[in-house]
């Protein structure tokens, strides 16, 4: 009876070890894709910033001018 019980424990330990190894292998693959996606998103954001640089600069200057003019009234 004790041998059967220890055999079951060994089988479950082996099963959990395999599950953990598979989980870690899957996570490495997913994290690699995530890095590629982040790099692509950054490239797109930088490209948009370069394309709309003048419009964004004008918008930010307008906002700060408005903030400065309205803060002097306080």
PDB file of N, CA and C in Angstrom:
ATOM      1  N   UNK A   1       0.829  -1.190   0.000  1.00  0.00           N
ATOM      2  CA  UNK A   1       0.000   0.000   0.000  1.00  0.00           C
ATOM      3  C   UNK A   1       0.874   1.256   0.000  1.00  0.00           C
ATOM      4  N   UNK A   2       1.911   1.249   0.789  1.00  0.00           N
ATOM      5  CA  UNK A   2       2.807   2.394   0.846  1.00  0.00           C
ATOM      6  C   UNK A   2       3.535   2.589  -0.469  1.00  0.00           C
ATOM      7  N   UNK A   3       3.900   1.479  -1.139  1.00  0.00           N
ATOM      8  CA  UNK A   3       4.566   1.570  -2.434  1.00  0.00           C
ATOM      9  C   UNK A   3       3.632   2.192  -3.468  1.00  0.00           C
ATOM     10  N   UNK A   4       2.367   1.792  -3.433  1.00  0.00           N
ATOM     11  CA  UNK A   4       1.395   2.361  -4.373  1.00  0.00           C
ATOM     12  C   UNK A   4       1.249   3.868  -4.163  1.00  0.00           C
ATOM     13  N   UNK A   5       1.195   4.253  -2.900  1.00  0.00           N
ATOM     14  CA  UNK A   5       1.035   5.664  -2.578  1.00  0.00           C
ATOM     15  C   UNK A   5       2.256   6.470  -3.027  1.00  0.00           C
ATOM     16  N   UNK A   6       3.457   5.951  -2.791  1.00  0.00           N
ATOM     17  CA  UNK A   6       4.662   6.660  -3.196  1.00  0.00           C
ATOM     18  C   UNK A   6       4.777   6.706  -4.717  1.00  0.00           C
ATOM     19  N   UNK A   7       4.311   5.662  -5.399  1.00  0.00           N
ATOM     20  CA  UNK A   7       4.310   5.654  -6.859  1.00  0.00           C
ATOM     21  C   UNK A   7       3.387   6.746  -7.396  1.00  0.00           C
ATOM     22  N   UNK A   8       2.218   6.892  -6.796  1.00  0.00           N
ATOM     23  CA  UNK A   8       1.268   7.925  -7.220  1.00  0.00           C
ATOM     24  C   UNK A   8       1.865   9.317  -7.016  1.00  0.00           C
ATOM     25  N   UNK A   9       2.551   9.514  -5.902  1.00  0.00           N
ATOM     26  CA  UNK A   9       3.172  10.811  -5.623  1.00  0.00           C
ATOM     27  C   UNK A   9       4.257  11.111  -6.649  1.00  0.00           C
ATOM     28  N   UNK A  10       5.060  10.103  -6.994  1.00  0.00           N
ATOM     29  CA  UNK A  10       6.109  10.299  -7.997  1.00  0.00           C
ATOM     30  C   UNK A  10       5.515  10.630  -9.361  1.00  0.00           C
ATOM     31  N   UNK A  11       4.426   9.959  -9.721  1.00  0.00           N
ATOM     32  CA  UNK A  11       3.770  10.229 -10.998  1.00  0.00           C
ATOM     33  C   UNK A  11       3.214  11.655 -11.041  1.00  0.00           C
ATOM     34  N   UNK A  12       2.593  12.065  -9.944  1.00  0.00           N
ATOM     35  CA  UNK A  12       2.051  13.429  -9.896  1.00  0.00           C
ATOM     36  C   UNK A  12       3.165  14.467  -9.924  1.00  0.00           C
ATOM     37  N   UNK A  13       4.266  14.191  -9.251  1.00  0.00           N
ATOM     38  CA  UNK A  13       5.394  15.122  -9.257  1.00  0.00           C
ATOM     39  C   UNK A  13       5.963  15.254 -10.665  1.00  0.00           C
ATOM     40  N   UNK A  14       6.070  14.120 -11.360  1.00  0.00           N
ATOM     41  CA  UNK A  14       6.569  14.147 -12.739  1.00  0.00           C
ATOM     42  C   UNK A  14       5.618  14.929 -13.630  1.00  0.00           C
ATOM     43  N   UNK A  15       4.324  14.712 -13.442  1.00  0.00           N
ATOM     44  CA  UNK A  15       3.312  15.422 -14.226  1.00  0.00           C
ATOM     45  C   UNK A  15       3.412  16.932 -13.999  1.00  0.00           C
ATOM     46  N   UNK A  16       3.510  17.353 -12.753  1.00  0.00           N
ATOM     47  CA  UNK A  16       3.599  18.783 -12.449  1.00  0.00           C
ATOM     48  C   UNK A  16       4.901  19.380 -12.967  1.00  0.00           C
ATOM     49  N   UNK A  17       5.978  18.630 -12.911  1.00  0.00           N
ATOM     50  CA  UNK A  17       7.258  19.110 -13.440  1.00  0.00           C
ATOM     51  C   UNK A  17       7.147  19.359 -14.940  1.00  0.00           C
ATOM     52  N   UNK A  18       6.521  18.418 -15.660  1.00  0.00           N
ATOM     53  CA  UNK A  18       6.336  18.597 -17.099  1.00  0.00           C
ATOM     54  C   UNK A  18       5.437  19.796 -17.398  1.00  0.00           C
ATOM     55  N   UNK A  19       4.402  19.974 -16.610  1.00  0.00           N
ATOM     56  CA  UNK A  19       3.500  21.121 -16.820  1.00  0.00           C
ATOM     57  C   UNK A  19       4.232  22.436 -16.610  1.00  0.00           C
ATOM     58  N   UNK A  20       5.062  22.509 -15.571  1.00  0.00           N
ATOM     59  CA  UNK A  20       5.814  23.733 -15.288  1.00  0.00           C
ATOM     60  C   UNK A  20       6.810  24.005 -16.402  1.00  0.00           C
ATOM     61  N   UNK A  21       7.494  22.959 -16.884  1.00  0.00           N
ATOM     62  CA  UNK A  21       8.450  23.149 -17.980  1.00  0.00           C
ATOM     63  C   UNK A  21       7.741  23.647 -19.233  1.00  0.00           C
ATOM     64  N   UNK A  22       6.597  23.053 -19.557  1.00  0.00           N
ATOM     65  CA  UNK A  22       5.831  23.491 -20.730  1.00  0.00           C
ATOM     66  C   UNK A  22       5.363  24.935 -20.569  1.00  0.00           C
ATOM     67  N   UNK A  23       4.959  25.292 -19.368  1.00  0.00           N
ATOM     68  CA  UNK A  23       4.508  26.661 -19.103  1.00  0.00           C
ATOM     69  C   UNK A  23       5.645  27.650 -19.321  1.00  0.00           C
ATOM     70  N   UNK A  24       6.825  27.325 -18.824  1.00  0.00           N
ATOM     71  CA  UNK A  24       7.963  28.229 -18.967  1.00  0.00           C
ATOM     72  C   UNK A  24       8.395  28.337 -20.426  1.00  0.00           C
ATOM     73  N   UNK A  25       8.365  27.252 -21.153  1.00  0.00           N
ATOM     74  CA  UNK A  25       8.721  27.296 -22.573  1.00  0.00           C
ATOM     75  C   UNK A  25       7.722  28.154 -23.331  1.00  0.00           C
ATOM     76  N   UNK A  26       6.429  27.992 -23.039  1.00  0.00           N
ATOM     77  CA  UNK A  26       5.403  28.802 -23.701  1.00  0.00           C
ATOM     78  C   UNK A  26       5.584  30.275 -23.384  1.00  0.00           C
ATOM     79  N   UNK A  27       5.943  30.618 -22.167  1.00  0.00           N
ATOM     80  CA  UNK A  27       6.113  32.021 -21.783  1.00  0.00           C
ATOM     81  C   UNK A  27       7.281  32.658 -22.525  1.00  0.00           C
ATOM     82  N   UNK A  28       8.359  31.912 -22.757  1.00  0.00           N
ATOM     83  CA  UNK A  28       9.492  32.468 -23.499  1.00  0.00           C
ATOM     84  C   UNK A  28       9.062  32.836 -24.906  1.00  0.00           C
ATOM     85  N   UNK A  29       8.272  31.997 -25.531  1.00  0.00           N
ATOM     86  CA  UNK A  29       7.817  32.254 -26.895  1.00  0.00           C
ATOM     87  C   UNK A  29       6.912  33.481 -26.919  1.00  0.00           C
ATOM     88  N   UNK A  30       5.990  33.571 -25.977  1.00  0.00           N
ATOM     89  CA  UNK A  30       5.067  34.698 -25.939  1.00  0.00           C
ATOM     90  C   UNK A  30       5.815  35.996 -25.661  1.00  0.00           C
ATOM     91  N   UNK A  31       6.788  35.979 -24.756  1.00  0.00           N
ATOM     92  CA  UNK A  31       7.508  37.209 -24.441  1.00  0.00           C
ATOM     93  C   UNK A  31       8.315  37.683 -25.645  1.00  0.00           C
ATOM     94  N   UNK A  32       8.799  36.771 -26.488  1.00  0.00           N
ATOM     95  CA  UNK A  32       9.511  37.169 -27.694  1.00  0.00           C
ATOM     96  C   UNK A  32       8.604  37.896 -28.665  1.00  0.00           C
ATOM     97  N   UNK A  33       7.389  37.425 -28.805  1.00  0.00           N
ATOM     98  CA  UNK A  33       6.430  38.094 -29.684  1.00  0.00           C
ATOM     99  C   UNK A  33       6.075  39.459 -29.103  1.00  0.00           C
ATOM    100  N   UNK A  34       5.948  39.557 -27.814  1.00  0.00           N
ATOM    101  CA  UNK A  34       5.597  40.821 -27.178  1.00  0.00           C
ATOM    102  C   UNK A  34       6.665  41.881 -27.445  1.00  0.00           C
ATOM    103  N   UNK A  35       7.923  41.507 -27.420  1.00  0.00           N
ATOM    104  CA  UNK A  35       9.001  42.464 -27.690  1.00  0.00           C
ATOM    105  C   UNK A  35       8.897  42.973 -29.119  1.00  0.00           C
ATOM    106  N   UNK A  36       8.653  42.075 -30.055  1.00  0.00           N
ATOM    107  CA  UNK A  36       8.508  42.486 -31.456  1.00  0.00           C
ATOM    108  C   UNK A  36       7.337  43.443 -31.608  1.00  0.00           C
ATOM    109  N   UNK A  37       6.231  43.130 -30.966  1.00  0.00           N
ATOM    110  CA  UNK A  37       5.054  43.999 -31.052  1.00  0.00           C
ATOM    111  C   UNK A  37       5.349  45.372 -30.462  1.00  0.00           C
ATOM    112  N   UNK A  38       6.041  45.418 -29.329  1.00  0.00           N
ATOM    113  CA  UNK A  38       6.365  46.705 -28.714  1.00  0.00           C
ATOM    114  C   UNK A  38       7.273  47.537 -29.611  1.00  0.00           C
ATOM    115  N   UNK A  39       8.237  46.895 -30.243  1.00  0.00           N
ATOM    116  CA  UNK A  39       9.133  47.622 -31.141  1.00  0.00           C
ATOM    117  C   UNK A  39       8.353  48.185 -32.317  1.00  0.00           C
ATOM    118  N   UNK A  40       7.451  47.393 -32.883  1.00  0.00           N
ATOM    119  CA  UNK A  40       6.643  47.884 -34.003  1.00  0.00           C
ATOM    120  C   UNK A  40       5.745  49.044 -33.590  1.00  0.00           C
ATOM    121  N   UNK A  41       5.157  48.960 -32.420  1.00  0.00           N
ATOM    122  CA  UNK A  41       4.311  50.052 -31.925  1.00  0.00           C
ATOM    123  C   UNK A  41       5.141  51.318 -31.734  1.00  0.00           C
ATOM    124  N   UNK A  42       6.332  51.181 -31.167  1.00  0.00           N
ATOM    125  CA  UNK A  42       7.206  52.350 -30.986  1.00  0.00           C
ATOM    126  C   UNK A  42       7.600  52.962 -32.325  1.00  0.00           C
ATOM    127  N   UNK A  43       7.894  52.130 -33.305  1.00  0.00           N
ATOM    128  CA  UNK A  43       8.250  52.643 -34.632  1.00  0.00           C
ATOM    129  C   UNK A  43       7.078  53.421 -35.232  1.00  0.00           C
ATOM    130  N   UNK A  44       5.876  52.901 -35.087  1.00  0.00           N
ATOM    131  CA  UNK A  44       4.694  53.587 -35.616  1.00  0.00           C
ATOM    132  C   UNK A  44       4.481  54.914 -34.900  1.00  0.00           C
ATOM    133  N   UNK A  45       4.621  54.931 -33.579  1.00  0.00           N
ATOM    134  CA  UNK A  45       4.422  56.179 -32.823  1.00  0.00           C
ATOM    135  C   UNK A  45       5.468  57.219 -33.222  1.00  0.00           C
ATOM    136  N   UNK A  46       6.709  56.812 -33.353  1.00  0.00           N
ATOM    137  CA  UNK A  46       7.769  57.753 -33.751  1.00  0.00           C
ATOM    138  C   UNK A  46       7.500  58.286 -35.152  1.00  0.00           C
ATOM    139  N   UNK A  47       7.065  57.414 -36.064  1.00  0.00           N
ATOM    140  CA  UNK A  47       6.753  57.853 -37.429  1.00  0.00           C
ATOM    141  C   UNK A  47       5.612  58.871 -37.414  1.00  0.00           C
ATOM    142  N   UNK A  48       4.581  58.621 -36.624  1.00  0.00           N
ATOM    143  CA  UNK A  48       3.462  59.573 -36.538  1.00  0.00           C
ATOM    144  C   UNK A  48       3.911  60.899 -35.940  1.00  0.00           C
ATOM    145  N   UNK A  49       4.779  60.839 -34.939  1.00  0.00           N
ATOM    146  CA  UNK A  49       5.282  62.079 -34.349  1.00  0.00           C
ATOM    147  C   UNK A  49       6.087  62.887 -35.370  1.00  0.00           C
ATOM    148  N   UNK A  50       6.888  62.209 -36.168  1.00  0.00           N
ATOM    149  CA  UNK A  50       7.666  62.913 -37.185  1.00  0.00           C
ATOM    150  C   UNK A  50       6.778  63.494 -38.274  1.00  0.00           C
ATOM    151  N   UNK A  51       5.739  62.763 -38.655  1.00  0.00           N
ATOM    152  CA  UNK A  51       4.835  63.250 -39.709  1.00  0.00           C
ATOM    153  C   UNK A  51       4.064  64.476 -39.234  1.00  0.00           C
ATOM    154  N   UNK A  52       3.554  64.424 -38.008  1.00  0.00           N
ATOM    155  CA  UNK A  52       2.705  65.505 -37.501  1.00  0.00           C
ATOM    156  C   UNK A  52       3.448  66.422 -36.531  1.00  0.00           C
ATOM    157  N   UNK A  53       4.738  66.551 -36.690  1.00  0.00           N
ATOM    158  CA  UNK A  53       5.560  67.331 -35.765  1.00  0.00           C
ATOM    159  C   UNK A  53       5.111  68.789 -35.691  1.00  0.00           C
ATOM    160  N   UNK A  54       4.910  69.420 -36.833  1.00  0.00           N
ATOM    161  CA  UNK A  54       4.529  70.844 -36.846  1.00  0.00           C
ATOM    162  C   UNK A  54       3.160  71.061 -36.197  1.00  0.00           C
ATOM    163  N   UNK A  55       2.199  70.211 -36.543  1.00  0.00           N
ATOM    164  CA  UNK A  55       0.863  70.361 -35.966  1.00  0.00           C
ATOM    165  C   UNK A  55       0.888  70.142 -34.452  1.00  0.00           C
ATOM    166  N   UNK A  56       1.657  69.164 -34.003  1.00  0.00           N
ATOM    167  CA  UNK A  56       1.733  68.904 -32.564  1.00  0.00           C
ATOM    168  C   UNK A  56       2.423  70.051 -31.826  1.00  0.00           C
ATOM    169  N   UNK A  57       3.468  70.604 -32.434  1.00  0.00           N
ATOM    170  CA  UNK A  57       4.163  71.729 -31.819  1.00  0.00           C
ATOM    171  C   UNK A  57       3.233  72.935 -31.703  1.00  0.00           C
ATOM    172  N   UNK A  58       2.479  73.223 -32.752  1.00  0.00           N
ATOM    173  CA  UNK A  58       1.524  74.338 -32.714  1.00  0.00           C
ATOM    174  C   UNK A  58       0.457  74.101 -31.649  1.00  0.00           C
ATOM    175  N   UNK A  59      -0.041  72.887 -31.562  1.00  0.00           N
ATOM    176  CA  UNK A  59      -1.072  72.570 -30.573  1.00  0.00           C
ATOM    177  C   UNK A  59      -0.546  72.745 -29.152  1.00  0.00           C
ATOM    178  N   UNK A  60       0.645  72.254 -28.891  1.00  0.00           N
ATOM    179  CA  UNK A  60       1.226  72.366 -27.542  1.00  0.00           C
ATOM    180  C   UNK A  60       1.503  73.825 -27.198  1.00  0.00           C
ATOM    181  N   UNK A  61       2.014  74.593 -28.152  1.00  0.00           N
ATOM    182  CA  UNK A  61       2.261  76.014 -27.899  1.00  0.00           C
ATOM    183  C   UNK A  61       0.966  76.751 -27.609  1.00  0.00           C
ATOM    184  N   UNK A  62      -0.088  76.447 -28.341  1.00  0.00           N
ATOM    185  CA  UNK A  62      -1.390  77.079 -28.103  1.00  0.00           C
ATOM    186  C   UNK A  62      -1.906  76.746 -26.705  1.00  0.00           C
ATOM    187  N   UNK A  63      -1.773  75.494 -26.317  1.00  0.00           N
ATOM    188  CA  UNK A  63      -2.252  75.074 -24.991  1.00  0.00           C
ATOM    189  C   UNK A  63      -1.470  75.794 -23.894  1.00  0.00           C
ATOM    190  N   UNK A  64      -0.142  75.868 -24.025  1.00  0.00           N
ATOM    191  CA  UNK A  64       0.656  76.537 -22.993  1.00  0.00           C
ATOM    192  C   UNK A  64       0.403  78.046 -22.968  1.00  0.00           C
ATOM    193  N   UNK A  65       0.181  78.659 -24.129  1.00  0.00           N
ATOM    194  CA  UNK A  65      -0.156  80.081 -24.159  1.00  0.00           C
ATOM    195  C   UNK A  65      -1.476  80.334 -23.434  1.00  0.00           C
ATOM    196  N   UNK A  66      -2.440  79.457 -23.654  1.00  0.00           N
ATOM    197  CA  UNK A  66      -3.742  79.604 -23.002  1.00  0.00           C
ATOM    198  C   UNK A  66      -3.590  79.438 -21.482  1.00  0.00           C
ATOM    199  N   UNK A  67      -2.803  78.451 -21.075  1.00  0.00           N
ATOM    200  CA  UNK A  67      -2.577  78.214 -19.646  1.00  0.00           C
ATOM    201  C   UNK A  67      -1.903  79.429 -19.016  1.00  0.00           C
ATOM    202  N   UNK A  68      -0.903  79.967 -19.696  1.00  0.00           N
ATOM    203  CA  UNK A  68      -0.173  81.120 -19.166  1.00  0.00           C
ATOM    204  C   UNK A  68      -1.078  82.349 -19.066  1.00  0.00           C
ATOM    205  N   UNK A  69      -1.867  82.603 -20.095  1.00  0.00           N
ATOM    206  CA  UNK A  69      -2.738  83.788 -20.085  1.00  0.00           C
ATOM    207  C   UNK A  69      -3.828  83.661 -19.036  1.00  0.00           C
ATOM    208  N   UNK A  70      -4.375  82.459 -18.869  1.00  0.00           N
ATOM    209  CA  UNK A  70      -5.455  82.303 -17.881  1.00  0.00           C
ATOM    210  C   UNK A  70      -4.909  82.225 -16.457  1.00  0.00           C
ATOM    211  N   UNK A  71      -3.676  81.791 -16.271  1.00  0.00           N
ATOM    212  CA  UNK A  71      -3.127  81.717 -14.926  1.00  0.00           C
ATOM    213  C   UNK A  71      -2.778  83.112 -14.398  1.00  0.00           C
ATOM    214  N   UNK A  72      -2.536  84.060 -15.265  1.00  0.00           N
ATOM    215  CA  UNK A  72      -2.236  85.423 -14.823  1.00  0.00           C
ATOM    216  C   UNK A  72      -3.494  86.098 -14.264  1.00  0.00           C
ATOM    217  N   UNK A  73      -4.667  85.616 -14.619  1.00  0.00           N
ATOM    218  CA  UNK A  73      -5.910  86.199 -14.123  1.00  0.00           C
ATOM    219  C   UNK A  73      -6.222  85.721 -12.693  1.00  0.00           C
ATOM    220  N   UNK A  74      -5.598  84.683 -12.243  1.00  0.00           N
ATOM    221  CA  UNK A  74      -5.888  84.142 -10.916  1.00  0.00           C
ATOM    222  C   UNK A  74      -5.263  84.957  -9.846  1.00  0.00           C
TER     223      UNK A  74
END
